[in-house]
Amino acid sequence: MLIKTLLECKRCGYVWQPRSKVIYICPNCKSKYWNEEKTELECFVCGHRWRQKSLQLPKYCPNCHCANWNVPEAIELVKATRELEEFLRTGSWEEKSM
């Protein structure tokens, strides 16, 4: 009895029946990482969410282009920088209650 196996690409969702035992790429999207889950990433600075395309972490957020997108402390640094820029622009310091 022959059992036919179906495979599903975890990148594009394509389902196919393999012709050989060794599968290198998805026949639909040609991804080498067809059997690895995509990870959803979130920028700590702007809150943008996206799915990564490769196994390496991106160097910057695709939305705000911040290089420290994956550092939780970055949002505090960005807020402080914006407050300082506002002070330098207007010449007055406003304390914001939290």
C-alpha atoms as a PDB file:
ATOM      1  CA  MET A   1       0.000   0.000   0.000  1.00  0.00           C
ATOM      2  CA  LEU A   2       1.382   3.382  -1.024  1.00  0.00           C
ATOM      3  CA  ILE A   3       0.767   6.338   1.290  1.00  0.00           C
ATOM      4  CA  LYS A   4       0.867   9.722  -0.404  1.00  0.00           C
ATOM      5  CA  THR A   5       2.068  12.605   1.676  1.00  0.00           C
ATOM      6  CA  LEU A   6       1.125  16.225   1.157  1.00  0.00           C
ATOM      7  CA  LEU A   7       3.479  18.994   2.185  1.00  0.00           C
ATOM      8  CA  GLU A   8       2.593  22.592   2.985  1.00  0.00           C
ATOM      9  CA  CYS A   9       4.862  25.605   2.647  1.00  0.00           C
ATOM     10  CA  LYS A  10       4.839  27.560   5.903  1.00  0.00           C
ATOM     11  CA  ARG A  11       5.838  30.685   3.982  1.00  0.00           C
ATOM     12  CA  CYS A  12       3.169  30.914   1.262  1.00  0.00           C
ATOM     13  CA  GLY A  13       0.686  28.179   2.247  1.00  0.00           C
ATOM     14  CA  TYR A  14       1.051  26.175  -0.970  1.00  0.00           C
ATOM     15  CA  VAL A  15       0.207  22.454  -0.626  1.00  0.00           C
ATOM     16  CA  TRP A  16       1.816  19.880  -2.916  1.00  0.00           C
ATOM     17  CA  GLN A  17       2.684  16.218  -3.265  1.00  0.00           C
ATOM     18  CA  PRO A  18       6.462  15.740  -3.317  1.00  0.00           C
ATOM     19  CA  ARG A  19       8.077  13.810  -6.160  1.00  0.00           C
ATOM     20  CA  SER A  20      11.215  12.963  -4.190  1.00  0.00           C
ATOM     21  CA  LYS A  21      12.188  12.342  -0.561  1.00  0.00           C
ATOM     22  CA  VAL A  22      14.428  15.403  -0.323  1.00  0.00           C
ATOM     23  CA  ILE A  23      12.694  18.766  -0.664  1.00  0.00           C
ATOM     24  CA  TYR A  24      14.918  21.803  -1.166  1.00  0.00           C
ATOM     25  CA  ILE A  25      12.481  24.569  -2.085  1.00  0.00           C
ATOM     26  CA  CYS A  26       8.764  25.283  -2.242  1.00  0.00           C
ATOM     27  CA  PRO A  27       7.596  24.784  -5.845  1.00  0.00           C
ATOM     28  CA  ASN A  28       5.362  27.860  -5.583  1.00  0.00           C
ATOM     29  CA  CYS A  29       7.351  30.611  -3.824  1.00  0.00           C
ATOM     30  CA  LYS A  30      10.812  29.004  -4.261  1.00  0.00           C
ATOM     31  CA  SER A  31      11.654  29.562  -0.554  1.00  0.00           C
ATOM     32  CA  LYS A  32      14.457  27.448   0.912  1.00  0.00           C
ATOM     33  CA  TYR A  33      12.779  27.886   4.312  1.00  0.00           C
ATOM     34  CA  TRP A  34       9.425  26.371   3.280  1.00  0.00           C
ATOM     35  CA  ASN A  35       9.309  24.179   6.402  1.00  0.00           C
ATOM     36  CA  GLU A  36      10.155  26.898   8.958  1.00  0.00           C
ATOM     37  CA  GLU A  37       7.586  29.104  10.677  1.00  0.00           C
ATOM     38  CA  LYS A  38       7.509  32.792   9.905  1.00  0.00           C
ATOM     39  CA  THR A  39       7.935  34.949  12.974  1.00  0.00           C
ATOM     40  CA  GLU A  40       5.946  38.106  13.561  1.00  0.00           C
ATOM     41  CA  LEU A  41       8.144  41.007  14.663  1.00  0.00           C
ATOM     42  CA  GLU A  42       7.196  44.259  16.382  1.00  0.00           C
ATOM     43  CA  CYS A  43       9.030  47.572  16.540  1.00  0.00           C
ATOM     44  CA  PHE A  44       9.322  48.881  20.106  1.00  0.00           C
ATOM     45  CA  VAL A  45       9.614  52.434  18.771  1.00  0.00           C
ATOM     46  CA  CYS A  46       6.587  52.827  16.476  1.00  0.00           C
ATOM     47  CA  GLY A  47       4.622  49.644  17.244  1.00  0.00           C
ATOM     48  CA  HIS A  48       4.649  48.438  13.609  1.00  0.00           C
ATOM     49  CA  ARG A  49       4.179  44.654  13.176  1.00  0.00           C
ATOM     50  CA  TRP A  50       5.422  42.598  10.253  1.00  0.00           C
ATOM     51  CA  ARG A  51       6.468  39.070   9.302  1.00  0.00           C
ATOM     52  CA  GLN A  52      10.116  38.477   8.645  1.00  0.00           C
ATOM     53  CA  LYS A  53      11.122  37.257   5.209  1.00  0.00           C
ATOM     54  CA  SER A  54      14.419  35.605   6.136  1.00  0.00           C
ATOM     55  CA  LEU A  55      15.912  33.883   9.153  1.00  0.00           C
ATOM     56  CA  GLN A  56      18.073  36.895  10.025  1.00  0.00           C
ATOM     57  CA  LEU A  57      16.654  39.766  12.055  1.00  0.00           C
ATOM     58  CA  PRO A  58      16.256  42.943  10.014  1.00  0.00           C
ATOM     59  CA  LYS A  59      18.687  45.789  10.638  1.00  0.00           C
ATOM     60  CA  TYR A  60      15.901  48.366  10.964  1.00  0.00           C
ATOM     61  CA  CYS A  61      12.115  48.714  11.201  1.00  0.00           C
ATOM     62  CA  PRO A  62      10.522  48.862   7.730  1.00  0.00           C
ATOM     63  CA  ASN A  63       8.090  51.534   8.950  1.00  0.00           C
ATOM     64  CA  CYS A  64      10.113  54.066  10.988  1.00  0.00           C
ATOM     65  CA  HIS A  65      13.601  52.911   9.869  1.00  0.00           C
ATOM     66  CA  CYS A  66      14.860  52.867  13.479  1.00  0.00           C
ATOM     67  CA  ALA A  67      17.904  50.624  13.962  1.00  0.00           C
ATOM     68  CA  ASN A  68      16.938  49.976  17.597  1.00  0.00           C
ATOM     69  CA  TRP A  69      13.516  48.569  16.695  1.00  0.00           C
ATOM     70  CA  ASN A  70      14.023  45.451  18.825  1.00  0.00           C
ATOM     71  CA  VAL A  71      15.386  47.168  21.954  1.00  0.00           C
ATOM     72  CA  PRO A  72      12.643  47.864  24.548  1.00  0.00           C
ATOM     73  CA  GLU A  73      14.626  50.782  25.994  1.00  0.00           C
ATOM     74  CA  ALA A  74      14.702  52.446  22.573  1.00  0.00           C
ATOM     75  CA  ILE A  75      11.220  53.889  22.968  1.00  0.00           C
ATOM     76  CA  GLU A  76      12.305  55.815  26.080  1.00  0.00           C
ATOM     77  CA  LEU A  77      15.349  57.086  24.223  1.00  0.00           C
ATOM     78  CA  VAL A  78      13.192  58.215  21.292  1.00  0.00           C
ATOM     79  CA  LYS A  79      10.767  60.020  23.633  1.00  0.00           C
ATOM     80  CA  ALA A  80      13.634  61.794  25.411  1.00  0.00           C
ATOM     81  CA  THR A  81      15.193  62.778  22.081  1.00  0.00           C
ATOM     82  CA  ARG A  82      11.891  64.199  20.821  1.00  0.00           C
ATOM     83  CA  GLU A  83      11.393  66.174  24.042  1.00  0.00           C
ATOM     84  CA  LEU A  84      14.920  67.577  23.733  1.00  0.00           C
ATOM     85  CA  GLU A  85      14.328  68.507  20.080  1.00  0.00           C
ATOM     86  CA  GLU A  86      11.075  70.232  21.096  1.00  0.00           C
ATOM     87  CA  PHE A  87      12.912  72.156  23.822  1.00  0.00           C
ATOM     88  CA  LEU A  88      15.638  73.263  21.430  1.00  0.00           C
ATOM     89  CA  ARG A  89      13.051  74.307  18.851  1.00  0.00           C
ATOM     90  CA  THR A  90      10.688  76.203  21.156  1.00  0.00           C
ATOM     91  CA  GLY A  91      12.980  77.205  24.015  1.00  0.00           C
ATOM     92  CA  SER A  92      10.494  76.081  26.679  1.00  0.00           C
ATOM     93  CA  TRP A  93      10.339  72.893  28.664  1.00  0.00           C
ATOM     94  CA  GLU A  94       6.973  71.234  29.233  1.00  0.00           C
ATOM     95  CA  GLU A  95       6.769  68.516  31.846  1.00  0.00           C
ATOM     96  CA  LYS A  96       4.355  65.844  30.721  1.00  0.00           C
ATOM     97  CA  SER A  97       2.493  63.916  33.390  1.00  0.00           C
ATOM     98  CA  MET A  98       2.492  60.136  32.965  1.00  0.00           C
END
